[in-house]
Protein backbone atom coordinates (compact mmCIF):
# COMPACT_ATOMS: atom_id res chain seq x y z
CA UNK A 1 145.63 129.29 261.18
CA UNK A 2 144.82 132.97 261.21
CA UNK A 3 142.06 134.69 259.24
CA UNK A 4 144.36 135.83 256.39
CA UNK A 5 145.81 132.36 255.81
CA UNK A 6 142.31 130.83 255.86
CA UNK A 7 141.12 133.35 253.27
CA UNK A 8 144.03 132.52 250.96
CA UNK A 9 143.49 128.75 251.17
CA UNK A 10 139.71 128.84 250.81
CA UNK A 11 139.60 131.28 247.89
CA UNK A 12 138.33 129.96 244.59
CA UNK A 13 140.92 129.30 241.91
CA UNK A 14 141.11 131.89 239.14
CA UNK A 15 138.60 131.45 236.35
CA UNK A 16 140.14 130.08 233.19
CA UNK A 17 139.06 132.03 230.14
CA UNK A 18 138.71 130.09 226.91
CA UNK A 19 140.23 131.56 223.80
CA UNK A 20 137.76 133.19 221.41
CA UNK A 21 137.95 130.25 219.00
CA UNK A 22 135.14 128.37 220.74
CA UNK A 23 132.52 130.93 219.80
CA UNK A 24 133.80 131.22 216.26
CA UNK A 25 133.74 127.46 215.79
CA UNK A 26 130.20 127.26 217.19
CA UNK A 27 129.04 130.08 214.90
CA UNK A 28 130.66 128.42 211.87
CA UNK A 29 129.07 125.06 212.69
CA UNK A 30 125.67 126.75 213.10
CA UNK A 31 125.98 128.52 209.76
CA UNK A 32 127.09 125.35 207.98
CA UNK A 33 124.24 123.39 209.57
CA UNK A 34 121.67 126.05 208.63
CA UNK A 35 122.90 126.17 205.02
CA UNK A 36 122.81 122.39 204.74
CA UNK A 37 119.30 122.20 206.23
CA UNK A 38 118.17 125.02 203.93
CA UNK A 39 119.58 123.28 200.87
CA UNK A 40 117.83 120.04 201.85
CA UNK A 41 114.55 121.85 202.48
CA UNK A 42 114.87 123.79 199.23
CA UNK A 43 115.35 120.61 197.22
CA UNK A 44 112.63 118.46 198.78
CA UNK A 45 109.09 119.74 199.38
CA UNK A 46 107.86 118.54 202.81
CA UNK A 47 104.39 117.64 201.52
CA UNK A 48 105.79 115.38 198.80
CA UNK A 49 108.45 113.46 200.75
CA UNK A 50 107.80 111.32 203.83
CA UNK A 51 111.21 111.67 205.48
CA UNK A 52 110.42 115.16 206.83
CA UNK A 53 109.31 115.11 210.46
CA UNK A 54 105.63 115.05 211.31
CA UNK A 55 103.95 116.98 214.11
CA UNK A 56 103.27 114.51 216.90
CA UNK A 57 100.79 116.91 218.54
CA UNK A 58 98.73 117.04 215.33
CA UNK A 59 99.03 113.28 214.80
CA UNK A 60 97.69 112.56 218.30
CA UNK A 61 95.07 115.31 218.74
CA UNK A 62 94.18 116.41 215.22
CA UNK A 63 94.75 120.01 216.32
CA UNK A 64 97.35 122.39 214.91
CA UNK A 65 100.17 123.41 217.23
CA UNK A 66 101.93 126.79 216.80
CA UNK A 67 104.65 125.08 214.76
CA UNK A 68 102.42 123.13 212.39
CA UNK A 69 103.18 124.09 208.81
CA UNK A 70 106.56 125.58 209.75
CA UNK A 71 108.58 123.22 207.54
CA UNK A 72 106.35 123.90 204.55
CA UNK A 73 106.50 127.64 205.31
CA UNK A 74 110.32 127.54 205.29
CA UNK A 75 110.26 125.63 201.99
CA UNK A 76 108.04 128.30 200.46
CA UNK A 77 110.23 131.10 201.87
CA UNK A 78 113.32 129.53 200.36
CA UNK A 79 111.52 129.55 197.02
CA UNK A 80 110.49 133.19 197.47
CA UNK A 81 106.76 132.53 197.86
CA UNK A 82 105.90 134.73 200.83
CA UNK A 83 102.12 134.37 200.47
CA UNK A 84 102.24 130.56 200.55
CA UNK A 85 104.63 130.65 203.50
CA UNK A 86 102.26 132.97 205.38
CA UNK A 87 99.36 130.60 204.70
CA UNK A 88 101.36 127.69 206.11
CA UNK A 89 102.55 129.40 209.33
CA UNK A 90 102.03 133.11 209.81
CA UNK A 91 103.79 133.13 213.19
CA UNK A 92 107.00 131.73 211.72
CA UNK A 93 106.97 134.20 208.83
CA UNK A 94 106.54 137.12 211.24
CA UNK A 95 109.08 135.75 213.73
CA UNK A 96 111.96 135.60 211.24
CA UNK A 97 112.31 139.37 210.64
CA UNK A 98 111.61 140.07 214.33
CA UNK A 99 114.38 137.68 215.33
CA UNK A 100 116.77 139.17 212.77
CA UNK A 101 116.10 142.69 214.07
CA UNK A 102 116.62 141.56 217.66
CA UNK A 103 119.94 139.92 216.77
CA UNK A 104 121.13 143.03 214.90
CA UNK A 105 120.13 145.22 217.84
CA UNK A 106 121.83 142.95 220.34
CA UNK A 107 125.01 142.81 218.27
CA UNK A 108 125.06 146.58 217.74
CA UNK A 109 124.56 147.36 221.42
CA UNK A 110 126.65 144.55 222.94
CA UNK A 111 129.72 146.68 223.62
CA UNK A 112 127.72 149.63 225.02
CA UNK A 113 125.38 147.64 227.22
CA UNK A 114 126.22 147.25 230.92
CA UNK A 115 126.32 143.77 232.36
CA UNK A 116 122.84 142.66 233.38
CA UNK A 117 122.11 141.24 236.80
CA UNK A 118 120.27 138.22 235.40
CA UNK A 119 116.80 139.71 235.85
CA UNK A 120 116.73 141.81 232.71
CA UNK A 121 114.97 140.03 229.89
CA UNK A 122 113.32 137.30 231.94
CA UNK A 123 109.95 138.44 230.59
CA UNK A 124 110.90 137.64 226.97
CA UNK A 125 110.60 133.83 227.08
CA UNK A 126 107.26 134.15 228.84
CA UNK A 127 106.00 136.68 226.30
CA UNK A 128 107.08 134.37 223.43
CA UNK A 129 105.33 131.44 225.10
CA UNK A 130 102.16 133.52 225.50
CA UNK A 131 102.20 134.60 221.84
CA UNK A 132 102.75 131.01 220.65
CA UNK A 133 99.98 129.74 222.92
CA UNK A 134 97.49 132.37 221.72
CA UNK A 135 98.43 131.64 218.11
CA UNK A 136 98.04 127.89 218.71
CA UNK A 137 94.59 128.35 220.23
CA UNK A 138 93.36 130.82 217.58
CA UNK A 139 94.42 128.69 214.62
CA UNK A 140 92.18 125.87 215.88
CA UNK A 141 89.05 128.04 216.19
CA UNK A 142 86.62 128.14 213.25
CA UNK A 143 86.65 131.96 213.11
CA UNK A 144 90.43 131.90 212.58
CA UNK A 145 90.59 128.96 210.17
CA UNK A 146 92.71 131.15 207.87
CA UNK A 147 95.58 130.66 210.39
CA UNK A 148 95.55 126.89 209.92
CA UNK A 149 98.07 125.34 207.53
């Protein structure tokens, strides 16, 4: 077997591209799920009903994690009470518009952006983890008690 024949037989098969319907179906399912969860959360206040999830970290340690108060904050946001939502979980309230702006920017620049090599944006998850960790530590300190739910 010569080099050309070997190259033809060992080449990877062509990549099969899925039709665009997979993304649309996923987006539709995500929207339907978010609307259903929002309607449930709007109707039932988390502090008054026991079927909402509890924070296992808080139950075990007595400390507030970065997500503590997030369900109550979303309930207050759905009812239009921004101040109460901020008192429950300031990080969540600030993260929602930041996430929305990032999604709009990403969507607007998706067609103009060159393909990344996989290294671009690796700092973002670490930065988010650092912000959540600092927030979680601060909200458990007496000087920053106003951050606790």
